[in-house]
Protein backbone atom coordinates (compact mmCIF):
# COMPACT_ATOMS: atom_id res chain seq x y z
CA UNK A 1 0.15 -0.08 -0.06
CA UNK A 2 1.71 3.23 -1.02
CA UNK A 3 2.08 5.82 1.64
CA UNK A 4 1.01 9.33 0.07
CA UNK A 5 2.05 11.55 3.21
CA UNK A 6 1.79 11.96 6.75
CA UNK A 7 -1.39 11.33 8.47
CA UNK A 8 -3.46 13.78 9.93
CA UNK A 9 -4.69 11.36 12.79
CA UNK A 10 -1.22 10.82 14.02
CA UNK A 11 -0.03 14.31 14.28
CA UNK A 12 -0.73 16.15 17.53
CA UNK A 13 -2.98 19.43 17.06
CA UNK A 14 -0.65 22.21 17.63
CA UNK A 15 -3.43 24.31 18.73
CA UNK A 16 -4.00 24.18 22.40
CA UNK A 17 -6.17 25.54 25.27
CA UNK A 18 -3.89 27.80 27.43
CA UNK A 19 -4.84 28.04 31.37
CA UNK A 20 -6.11 31.30 30.78
CA UNK A 21 -8.59 30.03 28.16
CA UNK A 22 -6.77 31.56 25.06
CA UNK A 23 -5.64 29.54 22.20
CA UNK A 24 -1.88 28.99 21.85
CA UNK A 25 0.19 27.21 19.27
CA UNK A 26 2.72 24.45 20.93
CA UNK A 27 5.21 24.81 18.12
CA UNK A 28 6.47 28.34 19.41
CA UNK A 29 6.35 27.46 22.93
CA UNK A 30 8.78 28.20 25.67
CA UNK A 31 10.84 25.04 26.60
CA UNK A 32 9.85 25.66 30.27
CA UNK A 33 8.06 22.88 31.96
CA UNK A 34 4.40 24.06 32.63
CA UNK A 35 2.95 23.89 36.19
CA UNK A 36 6.43 23.93 38.24
CA UNK A 37 7.08 27.23 39.94
CA UNK A 38 10.60 29.18 39.49
CA UNK A 39 13.67 27.34 40.63
CA UNK A 40 14.28 28.20 44.37
CA UNK A 41 16.61 30.81 45.06
CA UNK A 42 19.79 29.64 46.63
CA UNK A 43 21.45 31.93 49.27
CA UNK A 44 24.82 31.91 49.74
CA UNK A 45 26.27 33.20 52.84
CA UNK A 46 28.12 35.97 53.13
CA UNK A 47 31.71 35.91 53.27
CA UNK A 48 32.72 36.10 57.17
CA UNK A 49 33.42 39.30 58.71
CA UNK A 50 36.96 40.11 58.81
CA UNK A 51 37.95 40.01 62.31
CA UNK A 52 41.18 41.86 63.84
CA UNK A 53 44.26 39.94 63.81
CA UNK A 54 45.52 39.36 67.56
CA UNK A 55 49.20 40.08 68.50
CA UNK A 56 50.73 38.75 71.73
CA UNK A 57 53.88 40.20 73.28
CA UNK A 58 55.63 37.89 75.87
CA UNK A 59 58.33 39.40 78.18
CA UNK A 60 60.20 36.13 80.05
CA UNK A 61 62.97 36.06 82.27
CA UNK A 62 65.62 36.14 79.43
CA UNK A 63 64.05 36.81 76.03
CA UNK A 64 61.01 38.59 74.41
CA UNK A 65 58.58 36.73 72.05
CA UNK A 66 55.95 38.65 69.83
CA UNK A 67 54.01 37.03 67.17
CA UNK A 68 50.10 36.43 65.89
CA UNK A 69 47.71 34.65 68.12
CA UNK A 70 46.64 31.42 66.22
CA UNK A 71 44.97 29.28 68.50
CA UNK A 72 44.70 28.78 72.24
CA UNK A 73 43.80 25.74 74.36
CA UNK A 74 41.85 25.95 77.54
CA UNK A 75 42.96 22.49 78.59
CA UNK A 76 45.54 21.80 81.12
CA UNK A 77 47.72 19.59 79.06
CA UNK A 78 50.94 18.30 79.87
CA UNK A 79 53.95 19.58 77.89
CA UNK A 80 54.19 16.78 75.50
CA UNK A 81 50.34 17.02 74.68
CA UNK A 82 50.46 20.67 74.30
CA UNK A 83 53.06 20.22 71.77
CA UNK A 84 51.01 17.22 70.04
CA UNK A 85 47.93 19.62 70.18
CA UNK A 86 50.18 22.45 68.46
CA UNK A 87 51.62 20.24 65.41
CA UNK A 88 48.03 19.15 64.71
CA UNK A 89 46.87 22.86 64.67
CA UNK A 90 49.77 23.36 62.06
CA UNK A 91 48.93 19.99 60.17
CA UNK A 92 49.64 22.10 56.75
CA UNK A 93 53.09 22.82 57.63
CA UNK A 94 56.05 20.21 57.59
CA UNK A 95 57.52 21.33 61.03
CA UNK A 96 60.96 20.85 62.52
CA UNK A 97 61.24 19.37 66.16
CA UNK A 98 59.97 21.68 69.13
CA UNK A 99 62.70 23.04 71.10
CA UNK A 100 62.89 25.34 74.23
CA UNK A 101 62.94 29.09 73.37
CA UNK A 102 65.72 29.35 76.09
CA UNK A 103 67.33 26.37 77.74
CA UNK A 104 67.76 28.34 81.08
CA UNK A 105 64.15 29.08 81.14
CA UNK A 106 62.13 25.77 80.69
CA UNK A 107 59.06 27.41 81.71
CA UNK A 108 59.37 29.90 78.87
CA UNK A 109 57.87 27.72 75.92
CA UNK A 110 59.04 26.20 72.65
CA UNK A 111 59.29 27.15 69.22
CA UNK A 112 59.28 25.47 65.99
CA UNK A 113 60.03 26.36 62.32
CA UNK A 114 58.71 24.98 59.32
CA UNK A 115 60.66 22.50 57.23
CA UNK A 116 61.45 25.19 54.76
CA UNK A 117 62.60 27.43 57.33
CA UNK A 118 59.89 30.13 56.52
CA UNK A 119 57.26 30.13 59.10
CA UNK A 120 58.29 30.44 62.95
CA UNK A 121 56.01 29.27 65.63
CA UNK A 122 55.87 29.59 69.54
CA UNK A 123 53.96 27.61 71.88
CA UNK A 124 53.63 28.67 75.54
CA UNK A 125 51.75 27.86 78.82
CA UNK A 126 49.24 30.37 79.73
CA UNK A 127 47.43 30.58 83.27
CA UNK A 128 44.52 29.27 81.40
CA UNK A 129 45.86 26.79 78.93
CA UNK A 130 48.11 26.93 76.19
CA UNK A 131 48.56 29.61 73.59
CA UNK A 132 50.04 29.10 69.87
CA UNK A 133 51.41 31.99 67.79
CA UNK A 134 52.67 32.30 64.52
CA UNK A 135 54.77 34.96 62.75
CA UNK A 136 56.96 34.88 65.54
CA UNK A 137 60.25 36.65 66.61
CA UNK A 138 62.21 36.44 69.44
CA UNK A 139 65.22 38.28 70.86
CA UNK A 140 67.38 38.14 74.12
CA UNK A 141 65.71 40.18 76.58
CA UNK A 142 67.49 43.70 77.42
CA UNK A 143 68.94 43.68 80.66
CA UNK A 144 66.36 46.70 81.52
CA UNK A 145 63.36 45.79 79.69
CA UNK A 146 60.52 48.29 80.81
CA UNK A 147 56.84 47.68 79.35
CA UNK A 148 57.71 50.81 76.67
CA UNK A 149 61.02 49.37 75.69
CA UNK A 150 59.58 45.76 74.98
CA UNK A 151 56.28 47.25 73.34
CA UNK A 152 58.39 49.60 71.36
CA UNK A 153 60.46 46.36 70.20
CA UNK A 154 57.28 44.41 69.14
CA UNK A 155 55.86 47.19 67.25
CA UNK A 156 59.12 47.85 65.63
CA UNK A 157 59.35 44.19 64.57
CA UNK A 158 55.83 43.51 63.60
CA UNK A 159 56.46 46.70 61.04
CA UNK A 160 52.67 47.90 61.42
CA UNK A 161 51.46 51.20 60.34
CA UNK A 162 51.68 52.69 63.97
CA UNK A 163 52.17 51.55 67.37
CA UNK A 164 49.61 49.04 68.82
CA UNK A 165 47.42 49.65 72.09
CA UNK A 166 48.91 47.06 74.05
CA UNK A 167 46.69 45.41 77.10
CA UNK A 168 48.51 43.68 79.96
CA UNK A 169 47.13 40.16 80.25
CA UNK A 170 47.15 37.71 83.39
CA UNK A 171 50.81 37.03 84.23
CA UNK A 172 52.19 33.54 84.31
CA UNK A 173 55.28 33.00 86.77
CA UNK A 174 58.37 34.52 85.57
CA UNK A 175 56.36 36.33 82.30
CA UNK A 176 54.59 39.29 81.60
CA UNK A 177 52.15 38.98 78.46
CA UNK A 178 50.44 41.72 76.33
CA UNK A 179 47.60 41.38 73.58
CA UNK A 180 46.84 43.92 70.96
CA UNK A 181 44.45 43.96 68.08
CA UNK A 182 45.11 45.20 64.48
CA UNK A 183 42.89 45.36 61.52
CA UNK A 184 45.07 42.47 60.03
């Protein structure tokens, strides 16, 4: 049986009734599904608010240490556990072994350096736990290191736009600690 062309019985009618009662031609229809609402609006959380960078200055019996506060632990950990805690916090860095900041002052804390000798860190006992510092510098304490001398040294080492407003913290035996915030 010869086929003479498309059968009108198998072709859909391109004219359809729209929901508002008008007639519409589906050949010019939008490809969006009918009957579905708009895609839900996905909210993206705003970036976190910039917080100030906390700088720490610590005057020990025989040295001064200044750096950026990276973490604090409220736990009363042993020395060994504190070094393990600090090492886990610095997991992205390959570290050399922890060493005392000053052999003559075992309570003065420890320091370590990244494997490439680029980043320096310090860890010390605080009355409420432990503090971990990054971007660390230290120096032998001058014979007479007044608060003003120690703070001027720290401001100079940090090379900020101006002096920081240092606030004295709770002292640990043999140490005086100050904290200051800068805009980061």
